Amino acid sequence: MDLVIIDTGCANLSSVKFAFERLGVVPVISDDFGVIRRAGSLVLPGVGAAPYAMDNIKAKNLGSIIKTAKQPLLGICLGMQLLFETLEEGGKIIKGLGLIPGHVGPLDTRDLPSPHMGWNQLHPLSDFALMNGVDSGDYAYFVHSYGAPLSEFTVAACHYGNPFTAVVRKDNVMGCQFHPERSSKVGAQILKNFLDLSA
């Protein structure tokens, strides 16, 4: 199985790569269409601003290959947000990849600081295999100011001021709002589950 981390030019690719290497898998980092198309599974990481990330995806013409991917695809942090139809950032609406219905907007943190940064609890809402071995109340590491509300596609929720989607899934497409590569044993378990889904 070839695992490809899609190089959008807006993510810390090394930390994601090292996390999979710790599980015994050596990913390929690439923005090459042929490499992506032949991959057994795909990871779409991302950090920073959504407009910049989508501009990079457009500049590299990666949108079509991501949208038509049939392999298991995992978005991480901003990479998960980009999977949705639309995103709001800086008062502007940005068109996402449209693989998951819904909108990503500013977190309603109530009186809590934004961004949401640090360890918080996951609460699985379905028995989807990506969450095998993850119990309600287990902690993952988050860094974000924007999020998706709960929906029929929510696999796990988190609460920070208000509930939001921590793990999402539609068909072969799934995403983690947190950073599994920085989430210790829980993150490693989720990445292992993703590899198992891709086997």
N, C-alpha and C. Protein backbone atom coordinates (compact mmCIF):
# COMPACT_ATOMS: atom_id res chain seq x y z
N MET A 1 0.84 -1.20 0.00
CA MET A 1 0.00 0.00 0.00
C MET A 1 0.87 1.24 0.00
N ASP A 2 0.65 2.14 -0.94
CA ASP A 2 1.38 3.40 -0.99
C ASP A 2 0.53 4.49 -0.37
N LEU A 3 1.08 5.11 0.67
CA LEU A 3 0.41 6.23 1.33
C LEU A 3 1.04 7.51 0.82
N VAL A 4 0.22 8.40 0.28
CA VAL A 4 0.71 9.66 -0.26
C VAL A 4 0.17 10.82 0.56
N ILE A 5 1.07 11.66 1.04
CA ILE A 5 0.70 12.92 1.69
C ILE A 5 0.72 13.99 0.60
N ILE A 6 -0.44 14.59 0.36
CA ILE A 6 -0.56 15.56 -0.73
C ILE A 6 0.14 16.86 -0.33
N ASP A 7 1.06 17.28 -1.16
CA ASP A 7 1.86 18.48 -0.89
C ASP A 7 1.14 19.71 -1.46
N THR A 8 0.40 20.39 -0.59
CA THR A 8 -0.29 21.61 -1.01
C THR A 8 0.57 22.85 -0.77
N GLY A 9 1.71 22.67 -0.11
CA GLY A 9 2.59 23.80 0.17
C GLY A 9 2.13 24.63 1.36
N CYS A 10 1.24 24.08 2.19
CA CYS A 10 0.75 24.86 3.33
C CYS A 10 0.53 23.96 4.55
N ALA A 11 1.53 23.12 4.84
CA ALA A 11 1.40 22.23 5.99
C ALA A 11 2.79 21.80 6.46
N ASN A 12 2.85 21.40 7.72
CA ASN A 12 4.07 20.81 8.25
C ASN A 12 4.05 19.33 7.87
N LEU A 13 4.52 19.05 6.68
CA LEU A 13 4.43 17.70 6.15
C LEU A 13 5.30 16.72 6.91
N SER A 14 6.43 17.21 7.42
CA SER A 14 7.38 16.32 8.08
C SER A 14 6.78 15.68 9.31
N SER A 15 6.05 16.44 10.12
CA SER A 15 5.50 15.87 11.36
C SER A 15 4.47 14.79 11.04
N VAL A 16 3.67 14.99 9.99
CA VAL A 16 2.70 13.97 9.58
C VAL A 16 3.44 12.74 9.06
N LYS A 17 4.46 12.97 8.26
CA LYS A 17 5.26 11.85 7.72
C LYS A 17 5.90 11.05 8.85
N PHE A 18 6.48 11.72 9.83
CA PHE A 18 7.13 11.02 10.93
C PHE A 18 6.13 10.20 11.74
N ALA A 19 4.90 10.72 11.89
CA ALA A 19 3.88 10.00 12.65
C ALA A 19 3.55 8.66 12.00
N PHE A 20 3.46 8.65 10.67
CA PHE A 20 3.21 7.38 9.97
C PHE A 20 4.44 6.48 10.00
N GLU A 21 5.62 7.08 9.93
CA GLU A 21 6.84 6.27 10.00
C GLU A 21 6.95 5.54 11.33
N ARG A 22 6.48 6.18 12.40
CA ARG A 22 6.48 5.52 13.70
C ARG A 22 5.56 4.30 13.72
N LEU A 23 4.62 4.25 12.79
CA LEU A 23 3.71 3.10 12.67
C LEU A 23 4.22 2.09 11.66
N GLY A 24 5.41 2.32 11.11
CA GLY A 24 6.02 1.37 10.19
C GLY A 24 5.69 1.60 8.73
N VAL A 25 5.12 2.74 8.40
CA VAL A 25 4.77 3.06 7.02
C VAL A 25 5.56 4.29 6.58
N VAL A 26 6.17 4.22 5.41
CA VAL A 26 6.93 5.36 4.89
C VAL A 26 6.11 6.03 3.78
N PRO A 27 5.50 7.18 4.09
CA PRO A 27 4.67 7.85 3.08
C PRO A 27 5.53 8.54 2.02
N VAL A 28 4.88 8.82 0.92
CA VAL A 28 5.47 9.64 -0.14
C VAL A 28 4.79 11.01 -0.07
N ILE A 29 5.58 12.08 -0.07
CA ILE A 29 5.05 13.43 -0.14
C ILE A 29 5.10 13.88 -1.59
N SER A 30 3.96 14.24 -2.16
CA SER A 30 3.95 14.53 -3.60
C SER A 30 2.78 15.43 -3.98
N ASP A 31 2.99 16.18 -5.05
CA ASP A 31 1.90 16.90 -5.70
C ASP A 31 1.77 16.44 -7.16
N ASP A 32 2.38 15.30 -7.47
CA ASP A 32 2.34 14.74 -8.82
C ASP A 32 1.04 13.97 -9.04
N PHE A 33 0.33 14.29 -10.11
CA PHE A 33 -0.96 13.68 -10.38
C PHE A 33 -0.87 12.16 -10.45
N GLY A 34 0.12 11.65 -11.16
CA GLY A 34 0.26 10.21 -11.33
C GLY A 34 0.50 9.50 -10.01
N VAL A 35 1.34 10.08 -9.17
CA VAL A 35 1.64 9.48 -7.87
C VAL A 35 0.39 9.48 -7.00
N ILE A 36 -0.34 10.59 -7.00
CA ILE A 36 -1.56 10.69 -6.21
C ILE A 36 -2.62 9.71 -6.70
N ARG A 37 -2.76 9.60 -8.00
CA ARG A 37 -3.79 8.73 -8.57
C ARG A 37 -3.52 7.26 -8.25
N ARG A 38 -2.24 6.87 -8.21
CA ARG A 38 -1.89 5.46 -7.96
C ARG A 38 -1.82 5.10 -6.48
N ALA A 39 -1.95 6.09 -5.61
CA ALA A 39 -1.80 5.85 -4.17
C ALA A 39 -2.88 4.92 -3.64
N GLY A 40 -2.51 4.16 -2.61
CA GLY A 40 -3.49 3.33 -1.93
C GLY A 40 -4.36 4.14 -0.99
N SER A 41 -3.79 5.21 -0.44
CA SER A 41 -4.53 6.11 0.44
C SER A 41 -3.87 7.47 0.41
N LEU A 42 -4.65 8.49 0.80
CA LEU A 42 -4.20 9.87 0.69
C LEU A 42 -4.42 10.62 2.00
N VAL A 43 -3.49 11.52 2.30
CA VAL A 43 -3.63 12.40 3.46
C VAL A 43 -3.52 13.84 2.98
N LEU A 44 -4.45 14.67 3.42
CA LEU A 44 -4.46 16.09 3.07
C LEU A 44 -4.26 16.91 4.33
N PRO A 45 -3.02 17.23 4.69
CA PRO A 45 -2.80 18.07 5.87
C PRO A 45 -2.92 19.54 5.51
N GLY A 46 -2.95 20.39 6.52
CA GLY A 46 -2.99 21.82 6.26
C GLY A 46 -2.92 22.62 7.55
N VAL A 47 -2.22 23.72 7.48
CA VAL A 47 -2.18 24.68 8.58
C VAL A 47 -2.28 26.07 7.99
N GLY A 48 -2.71 27.04 8.81
CA GLY A 48 -2.74 28.43 8.35
C GLY A 48 -4.10 28.83 7.83
N ALA A 49 -4.08 29.71 6.84
CA ALA A 49 -5.30 30.35 6.35
C ALA A 49 -5.92 29.58 5.20
N ALA A 50 -7.24 29.43 5.25
CA ALA A 50 -7.96 28.71 4.20
C ALA A 50 -7.81 29.34 2.82
N PRO A 51 -7.90 30.69 2.68
CA PRO A 51 -7.76 31.26 1.34
C PRO A 51 -6.41 30.94 0.71
N TYR A 52 -5.34 31.01 1.51
CA TYR A 52 -4.01 30.69 1.01
C TYR A 52 -3.93 29.23 0.59
N ALA A 53 -4.51 28.34 1.41
CA ALA A 53 -4.47 26.92 1.09
C ALA A 53 -5.22 26.62 -0.20
N MET A 54 -6.41 27.20 -0.36
CA MET A 54 -7.16 26.95 -1.60
C MET A 54 -6.47 27.55 -2.80
N ASP A 55 -5.83 28.71 -2.62
CA ASP A 55 -5.05 29.30 -3.72
C ASP A 55 -3.93 28.36 -4.15
N ASN A 56 -3.27 27.74 -3.16
CA ASN A 56 -2.20 26.80 -3.47
C ASN A 56 -2.72 25.58 -4.22
N ILE A 57 -3.86 25.07 -3.76
CA ILE A 57 -4.47 23.92 -4.42
C ILE A 57 -4.82 24.26 -5.87
N LYS A 58 -5.36 25.45 -6.08
CA LYS A 58 -5.70 25.88 -7.44
C LYS A 58 -4.45 26.07 -8.28
N ALA A 59 -3.41 26.68 -7.69
CA ALA A 59 -2.17 26.94 -8.44
C ALA A 59 -1.52 25.64 -8.88
N LYS A 60 -1.65 24.61 -8.06
CA LYS A 60 -1.06 23.30 -8.40
C LYS A 60 -2.04 22.40 -9.15
N ASN A 61 -3.25 22.92 -9.43
CA ASN A 61 -4.28 22.16 -10.13
C ASN A 61 -4.61 20.84 -9.43
N LEU A 62 -4.59 20.88 -8.09
CA LEU A 62 -4.81 19.65 -7.33
C LEU A 62 -6.30 19.39 -7.03
N GLY A 63 -7.14 20.40 -7.25
CA GLY A 63 -8.54 20.27 -6.89
C GLY A 63 -9.22 19.08 -7.53
N SER A 64 -9.03 18.91 -8.83
CA SER A 64 -9.74 17.85 -9.55
C SER A 64 -9.28 16.47 -9.11
N ILE A 65 -8.00 16.29 -8.88
CA ILE A 65 -7.50 14.97 -8.47
C ILE A 65 -7.96 14.63 -7.07
N ILE A 66 -8.06 15.63 -6.19
CA ILE A 66 -8.55 15.37 -4.84
C ILE A 66 -10.05 15.07 -4.88
N LYS A 67 -10.79 15.84 -5.65
CA LYS A 67 -12.25 15.67 -5.70
C LYS A 67 -12.66 14.33 -6.28
N THR A 68 -11.85 13.77 -7.17
CA THR A 68 -12.22 12.51 -7.82
C THR A 68 -11.53 11.30 -7.21
N ALA A 69 -10.81 11.49 -6.11
CA ALA A 69 -10.10 10.38 -5.47
C ALA A 69 -11.08 9.32 -4.98
N LYS A 70 -10.77 8.07 -5.24
CA LYS A 70 -11.59 6.95 -4.79
C LYS A 70 -10.96 6.26 -3.58
N GLN A 71 -9.68 6.55 -3.31
CA GLN A 71 -9.00 5.94 -2.18
C GLN A 71 -9.47 6.56 -0.87
N PRO A 72 -9.21 5.89 0.25
CA PRO A 72 -9.43 6.55 1.54
C PRO A 72 -8.61 7.85 1.61
N LEU A 73 -9.28 8.91 2.00
CA LEU A 73 -8.66 10.24 2.06
C LEU A 73 -8.90 10.82 3.44
N LEU A 74 -7.81 11.23 4.10
CA LEU A 74 -7.89 11.79 5.44
C LEU A 74 -7.40 13.23 5.44
N GLY A 75 -8.29 14.16 5.78
CA GLY A 75 -7.89 15.56 5.96
C GLY A 75 -7.54 15.81 7.42
N ILE A 76 -6.50 16.60 7.64
CA ILE A 76 -6.04 16.90 8.99
C ILE A 76 -6.07 18.40 9.22
N CYS A 77 -6.74 18.82 10.31
CA CYS A 77 -6.85 20.22 10.72
C CYS A 77 -7.42 21.06 9.58
N LEU A 78 -6.68 22.02 9.05
CA LEU A 78 -7.18 22.80 7.93
C LEU A 78 -7.52 21.90 6.74
N GLY A 79 -6.76 20.82 6.59
CA GLY A 79 -7.06 19.87 5.52
C GLY A 79 -8.45 19.28 5.64
N MET A 80 -8.91 19.05 6.86
CA MET A 80 -10.29 18.60 7.06
C MET A 80 -11.27 19.69 6.66
N GLN A 81 -11.01 20.92 7.08
CA GLN A 81 -11.93 22.02 6.77
C GLN A 81 -12.08 22.23 5.27
N LEU A 82 -11.00 22.03 4.54
CA LEU A 82 -11.04 22.23 3.09
C LEU A 82 -11.92 21.21 2.38
N LEU A 83 -12.24 20.11 3.06
CA LEU A 83 -13.09 19.09 2.46
C LEU A 83 -14.54 19.55 2.33
N PHE A 84 -14.93 20.57 3.10
CA PHE A 84 -16.32 21.02 3.12
C PHE A 84 -16.64 21.90 1.91
N GLU A 85 -17.93 22.21 1.76
CA GLU A 85 -18.38 23.00 0.61
C GLU A 85 -17.89 24.45 0.68
N THR A 86 -18.04 25.06 1.86
CA THR A 86 -17.66 26.46 2.01
C THR A 86 -16.99 26.68 3.36
N LEU A 87 -16.15 27.72 3.40
CA LEU A 87 -15.47 28.12 4.62
C LEU A 87 -15.57 29.63 4.74
N GLU A 88 -15.72 30.10 5.97
CA GLU A 88 -15.74 31.54 6.23
C GLU A 88 -14.47 31.92 6.97
N GLU A 89 -13.76 32.89 6.42
CA GLU A 89 -12.55 33.36 7.09
C GLU A 89 -12.36 34.84 6.76
N GLY A 90 -12.10 35.63 7.78
CA GLY A 90 -11.92 37.06 7.58
C GLY A 90 -13.14 37.74 7.01
N GLY A 91 -14.33 37.21 7.35
CA GLY A 91 -15.56 37.81 6.85
C GLY A 91 -15.88 37.45 5.41
N LYS A 92 -15.07 36.60 4.79
CA LYS A 92 -15.30 36.21 3.40
C LYS A 92 -15.65 34.73 3.33
N ILE A 93 -16.47 34.37 2.34
CA ILE A 93 -16.84 32.98 2.10
C ILE A 93 -15.92 32.42 1.01
N ILE A 94 -15.29 31.30 1.34
CA ILE A 94 -14.35 30.66 0.43
C ILE A 94 -14.94 29.33 0.00
N LYS A 95 -14.84 29.01 -1.26
CA LYS A 95 -15.32 27.73 -1.76
C LYS A 95 -14.30 26.66 -1.45
N GLY A 96 -14.76 25.59 -0.76
CA GLY A 96 -13.88 24.47 -0.45
C GLY A 96 -13.93 23.41 -1.54
N LEU A 97 -13.46 22.22 -1.22
CA LEU A 97 -13.40 21.14 -2.19
C LEU A 97 -14.77 20.49 -2.42
N GLY A 98 -15.70 20.67 -1.48
CA GLY A 98 -17.06 20.20 -1.68
C GLY A 98 -17.26 18.70 -1.55
N LEU A 99 -16.35 18.01 -0.88
CA LEU A 99 -16.48 16.57 -0.72
C LEU A 99 -17.41 16.20 0.43
N ILE A 100 -17.60 17.12 1.37
CA ILE A 100 -18.50 16.90 2.50
C ILE A 100 -19.46 18.09 2.57
N PRO A 101 -20.77 17.84 2.59
CA PRO A 101 -21.72 18.95 2.69
C PRO A 101 -21.53 19.72 3.99
N GLY A 102 -21.67 21.05 3.90
CA GLY A 102 -21.61 21.85 5.11
C GLY A 102 -20.69 23.03 5.00
N HIS A 103 -20.66 23.80 6.08
CA HIS A 103 -19.94 25.08 6.12
C HIS A 103 -19.04 25.11 7.35
N VAL A 104 -17.85 25.61 7.19
CA VAL A 104 -16.90 25.81 8.28
C VAL A 104 -16.86 27.30 8.61
N GLY A 105 -17.12 27.63 9.87
CA GLY A 105 -17.12 29.03 10.27
C GLY A 105 -16.35 29.25 11.55
N PRO A 106 -16.30 30.49 12.04
CA PRO A 106 -15.60 30.77 13.30
C PRO A 106 -16.21 29.98 14.45
N LEU A 107 -15.37 29.46 15.31
CA LEU A 107 -15.85 28.76 16.49
C LEU A 107 -16.60 29.73 17.41
N ASP A 108 -17.74 29.28 17.91
CA ASP A 108 -18.45 30.03 18.94
C ASP A 108 -17.93 29.54 20.28
N THR A 109 -16.88 30.21 20.79
CA THR A 109 -16.22 29.74 22.01
C THR A 109 -16.83 30.32 23.28
N ARG A 110 -17.88 31.13 23.13
CA ARG A 110 -18.49 31.84 24.26
C ARG A 110 -17.42 32.71 24.93
N ASP A 111 -17.11 32.45 26.19
CA ASP A 111 -16.14 33.29 26.89
C ASP A 111 -14.73 32.69 26.88
N LEU A 112 -14.56 31.59 26.17
CA LEU A 112 -13.24 30.94 26.14
C LEU A 112 -12.35 31.59 25.08
N PRO A 113 -11.04 31.54 25.26
CA PRO A 113 -10.14 32.17 24.29
C PRO A 113 -10.20 31.49 22.93
N SER A 114 -9.96 32.26 21.91
CA SER A 114 -9.80 31.74 20.55
C SER A 114 -8.44 32.20 20.03
N PRO A 115 -7.65 31.33 19.42
CA PRO A 115 -8.00 29.98 18.97
C PRO A 115 -8.14 28.97 20.10
N HIS A 116 -8.83 27.89 19.76
CA HIS A 116 -8.92 26.72 20.62
C HIS A 116 -7.59 25.99 20.49
N MET A 117 -6.80 26.02 21.56
CA MET A 117 -5.44 25.49 21.46
C MET A 117 -5.15 24.61 22.67
N GLY A 118 -4.77 23.37 22.42
CA GLY A 118 -4.40 22.46 23.49
C GLY A 118 -5.19 21.17 23.44
N TRP A 119 -5.15 20.44 24.54
CA TRP A 119 -5.77 19.13 24.63
C TRP A 119 -7.25 19.25 24.99
N ASN A 120 -8.07 18.48 24.30
CA ASN A 120 -9.49 18.46 24.59
C ASN A 120 -10.03 17.06 24.30
N GLN A 121 -11.23 16.81 24.82
CA GLN A 121 -11.77 15.46 24.78
C GLN A 121 -12.57 15.18 23.50
N LEU A 122 -12.44 13.95 23.04
CA LEU A 122 -13.21 13.44 21.91
C LEU A 122 -14.40 12.65 22.43
N HIS A 123 -15.51 12.75 21.70
CA HIS A 123 -16.71 12.01 22.07
C HIS A 123 -17.26 11.34 20.81
N PRO A 124 -16.87 10.08 20.57
CA PRO A 124 -17.36 9.37 19.37
C PRO A 124 -18.88 9.30 19.35
N LEU A 125 -19.45 9.54 18.16
CA LEU A 125 -20.90 9.51 17.99
C LEU A 125 -21.34 8.37 17.07
N SER A 126 -20.36 7.66 16.50
CA SER A 126 -20.68 6.50 15.66
C SER A 126 -19.60 5.45 15.89
N ASP A 127 -19.85 4.26 15.36
CA ASP A 127 -18.89 3.18 15.52
C ASP A 127 -18.00 3.01 14.29
N PHE A 128 -17.85 4.08 13.52
CA PHE A 128 -16.99 4.01 12.33
C PHE A 128 -15.59 3.58 12.73
N ALA A 129 -14.98 2.73 11.91
CA ALA A 129 -13.72 2.06 12.25
C ALA A 129 -12.56 3.01 12.50
N LEU A 130 -12.63 4.23 12.02
CA LEU A 130 -11.54 5.17 12.28
C LEU A 130 -11.39 5.43 13.78
N MET A 131 -12.45 5.22 14.54
CA MET A 131 -12.43 5.49 15.98
C MET A 131 -12.24 4.23 16.82
N ASN A 132 -11.89 3.12 16.19
CA ASN A 132 -11.64 1.89 16.95
C ASN A 132 -10.58 2.14 18.01
N GLY A 133 -10.86 1.71 19.25
CA GLY A 133 -9.89 1.86 20.32
C GLY A 133 -9.85 3.24 20.95
N VAL A 134 -10.72 4.14 20.50
CA VAL A 134 -10.80 5.49 21.07
C VAL A 134 -12.07 5.58 21.91
N ASP A 135 -11.91 5.92 23.16
CA ASP A 135 -13.04 5.99 24.08
C ASP A 135 -13.52 7.43 24.26
N SER A 136 -14.78 7.59 24.60
CA SER A 136 -15.30 8.91 24.91
C SER A 136 -14.54 9.49 26.09
N GLY A 137 -14.04 10.70 25.92
CA GLY A 137 -13.23 11.34 26.95
C GLY A 137 -11.74 11.29 26.69
N ASP A 138 -11.32 10.50 25.69
CA ASP A 138 -9.90 10.51 25.32
C ASP A 138 -9.52 11.88 24.75
N TYR A 139 -8.27 12.24 24.95
CA TYR A 139 -7.82 13.58 24.59
C TYR A 139 -7.05 13.60 23.26
N ALA A 140 -7.26 14.69 22.51
CA ALA A 140 -6.50 14.96 21.29
C ALA A 140 -6.05 16.41 21.32
N TYR A 141 -5.09 16.74 20.46
CA TYR A 141 -4.48 18.08 20.48
C TYR A 141 -5.04 18.94 19.34
N PHE A 142 -5.63 20.08 19.72
CA PHE A 142 -6.28 20.98 18.77
C PHE A 142 -5.53 22.31 18.68
N VAL A 143 -5.54 22.89 17.49
CA VAL A 143 -5.11 24.29 17.28
C VAL A 143 -5.95 24.83 16.13
N HIS A 144 -7.01 25.60 16.44
CA HIS A 144 -7.86 26.12 15.37
C HIS A 144 -8.80 27.19 15.90
N SER A 145 -9.22 28.06 14.99
CA SER A 145 -10.19 29.12 15.30
C SER A 145 -11.52 28.90 14.58
N TYR A 146 -11.54 27.93 13.65
CA TYR A 146 -12.72 27.68 12.83
C TYR A 146 -13.10 26.22 12.96
N GLY A 147 -14.37 25.92 12.73
CA GLY A 147 -14.82 24.55 12.85
C GLY A 147 -16.13 24.32 12.15
N ALA A 148 -16.49 23.05 12.03
CA ALA A 148 -17.75 22.65 11.42
C ALA A 148 -18.74 22.26 12.50
N PRO A 149 -20.00 22.64 12.38
CA PRO A 149 -21.01 22.22 13.35
C PRO A 149 -21.26 20.72 13.25
N LEU A 150 -21.93 20.19 14.25
CA LEU A 150 -22.30 18.78 14.19
C LEU A 150 -23.29 18.55 13.05
N SER A 151 -23.17 17.40 12.41
CA SER A 151 -24.05 17.07 11.28
C SER A 151 -24.17 15.55 11.20
N GLU A 152 -24.91 15.09 10.21
CA GLU A 152 -25.05 13.64 10.01
C GLU A 152 -23.72 12.99 9.66
N PHE A 153 -22.72 13.79 9.28
CA PHE A 153 -21.43 13.26 8.89
C PHE A 153 -20.42 13.27 10.04
N THR A 154 -20.83 13.76 11.20
CA THR A 154 -19.95 13.82 12.36
C THR A 154 -19.73 12.42 12.93
N VAL A 155 -18.48 12.02 13.06
CA VAL A 155 -18.11 10.74 13.65
C VAL A 155 -17.76 10.91 15.13
N ALA A 156 -17.14 12.04 15.45
CA ALA A 156 -16.81 12.36 16.85
C ALA A 156 -16.94 13.86 17.05
N ALA A 157 -17.39 14.23 18.25
CA ALA A 157 -17.57 15.64 18.59
C ALA A 157 -16.55 16.06 19.64
N CYS A 158 -16.40 17.37 19.76
CA CYS A 158 -15.62 17.97 20.82
C CYS A 158 -16.40 19.19 21.29
N HIS A 159 -16.15 19.63 22.52
CA HIS A 159 -16.87 20.78 23.06
C HIS A 159 -15.86 21.82 23.54
N TYR A 160 -16.03 23.03 22.99
CA TYR A 160 -15.21 24.17 23.43
C TYR A 160 -16.08 25.41 23.32
N GLY A 161 -16.76 25.74 24.38
CA GLY A 161 -17.78 26.79 24.32
C GLY A 161 -19.08 26.22 23.79
N ASN A 162 -18.99 25.58 22.64
CA ASN A 162 -20.10 24.87 22.00
C ASN A 162 -19.54 23.62 21.34
N PRO A 163 -20.41 22.65 21.05
CA PRO A 163 -19.92 21.45 20.37
C PRO A 163 -19.57 21.73 18.91
N PHE A 164 -18.61 21.01 18.39
CA PHE A 164 -18.24 21.10 16.98
C PHE A 164 -17.76 19.72 16.53
N THR A 165 -17.62 19.56 15.22
CA THR A 165 -17.18 18.29 14.66
C THR A 165 -15.67 18.12 14.83
N ALA A 166 -15.28 17.04 15.50
CA ALA A 166 -13.87 16.73 15.66
C ALA A 166 -13.39 15.71 14.64
N VAL A 167 -14.27 14.79 14.25
CA VAL A 167 -13.97 13.80 13.20
C VAL A 167 -15.19 13.72 12.30
N VAL A 168 -14.94 13.70 11.00
CA VAL A 168 -16.02 13.71 10.02
C VAL A 168 -15.76 12.60 9.01
N ARG A 169 -16.85 12.13 8.40
CA ARG A 169 -16.68 11.11 7.37
C ARG A 169 -17.87 11.09 6.41
N LYS A 170 -17.57 10.99 5.12
CA LYS A 170 -18.58 10.75 4.09
C LYS A 170 -17.95 9.86 3.03
N ASP A 171 -18.47 8.66 2.91
CA ASP A 171 -17.93 7.69 1.96
C ASP A 171 -16.45 7.42 2.25
N ASN A 172 -15.59 7.63 1.26
CA ASN A 172 -14.15 7.37 1.43
C ASN A 172 -13.39 8.55 2.02
N VAL A 173 -14.11 9.64 2.27
CA VAL A 173 -13.48 10.89 2.72
C VAL A 173 -13.71 11.06 4.22
N MET A 174 -12.63 11.35 4.95
CA MET A 174 -12.74 11.55 6.40
C MET A 174 -11.77 12.63 6.83
N GLY A 175 -11.98 13.16 8.01
CA GLY A 175 -11.12 14.23 8.46
C GLY A 175 -11.08 14.34 9.97
N CYS A 176 -9.96 14.84 10.49
CA CYS A 176 -9.77 15.12 11.91
C CYS A 176 -9.49 16.60 12.07
N GLN A 177 -10.29 17.28 12.90
CA GLN A 177 -10.04 18.69 13.16
C GLN A 177 -8.78 18.88 14.00
N PHE A 178 -8.45 17.92 14.82
CA PHE A 178 -7.26 17.98 15.66
C PHE A 178 -6.04 17.46 14.87
N HIS A 179 -4.90 17.45 15.53
CA HIS A 179 -3.67 16.95 14.92
C HIS A 179 -3.36 15.56 15.46
N PRO A 180 -3.72 14.49 14.74
CA PRO A 180 -3.41 13.15 15.25
C PRO A 180 -1.91 12.92 15.40
N GLU A 181 -1.12 13.58 14.56
CA GLU A 181 0.34 13.40 14.63
C GLU A 181 0.93 14.02 15.89
N ARG A 182 0.14 14.82 16.60
CA ARG A 182 0.59 15.44 17.85
C ARG A 182 -0.25 15.00 19.04
N SER A 183 -1.05 13.96 18.85
CA SER A 183 -2.02 13.56 19.87
C SER A 183 -1.65 12.25 20.56
N SER A 184 -0.37 11.98 20.70
CA SER A 184 0.12 10.86 21.49
C SER A 184 -0.53 9.54 21.06
N LYS A 185 -0.87 8.68 22.04
CA LYS A 185 -1.36 7.34 21.73
C LYS A 185 -2.71 7.38 21.01
N VAL A 186 -3.56 8.34 21.37
CA VAL A 186 -4.88 8.43 20.72
C VAL A 186 -4.71 8.77 19.24
N GLY A 187 -3.86 9.74 18.95
CA GLY A 187 -3.61 10.09 17.55
C GLY A 187 -2.99 8.95 16.77
N ALA A 188 -2.04 8.25 17.40
CA ALA A 188 -1.41 7.11 16.72
C ALA A 188 -2.44 6.03 16.43
N GLN A 189 -3.38 5.80 17.36
CA GLN A 189 -4.41 4.80 17.15
C GLN A 189 -5.29 5.17 15.96
N ILE A 190 -5.64 6.45 15.85
CA ILE A 190 -6.49 6.89 14.74
C ILE A 190 -5.74 6.76 13.41
N LEU A 191 -4.47 7.11 13.38
CA LEU A 191 -3.70 6.95 12.15
C LEU A 191 -3.55 5.47 11.79
N LYS A 192 -3.37 4.62 12.79
CA LYS A 192 -3.30 3.18 12.53
C LYS A 192 -4.63 2.69 11.98
N ASN A 193 -5.74 3.16 12.54
CA ASN A 193 -7.05 2.78 12.03
C ASN A 193 -7.22 3.20 10.59
N PHE A 194 -6.73 4.40 10.25
CA PHE A 194 -6.81 4.85 8.86
C PHE A 194 -6.02 3.92 7.95
N LEU A 195 -4.84 3.52 8.38
CA LEU A 195 -4.05 2.58 7.58
C LEU A 195 -4.78 1.26 7.42
N ASP A 196 -5.44 0.81 8.47
CA ASP A 196 -6.20 -0.45 8.40
C ASP A 196 -7.35 -0.32 7.41
N LEU A 197 -8.00 0.84 7.38
CA LEU A 197 -9.08 1.05 6.41
C LEU A 197 -8.58 1.02 4.98
N SER A 198 -7.29 1.39 4.83
CA SER A 198 -6.70 1.52 3.50
C SER A 198 -6.08 0.21 3.02
N ALA A 199 -5.96 -0.77 3.91
CA ALA A 199 -5.25 -2.00 3.58
C ALA A 199 -6.04 -2.86 2.58
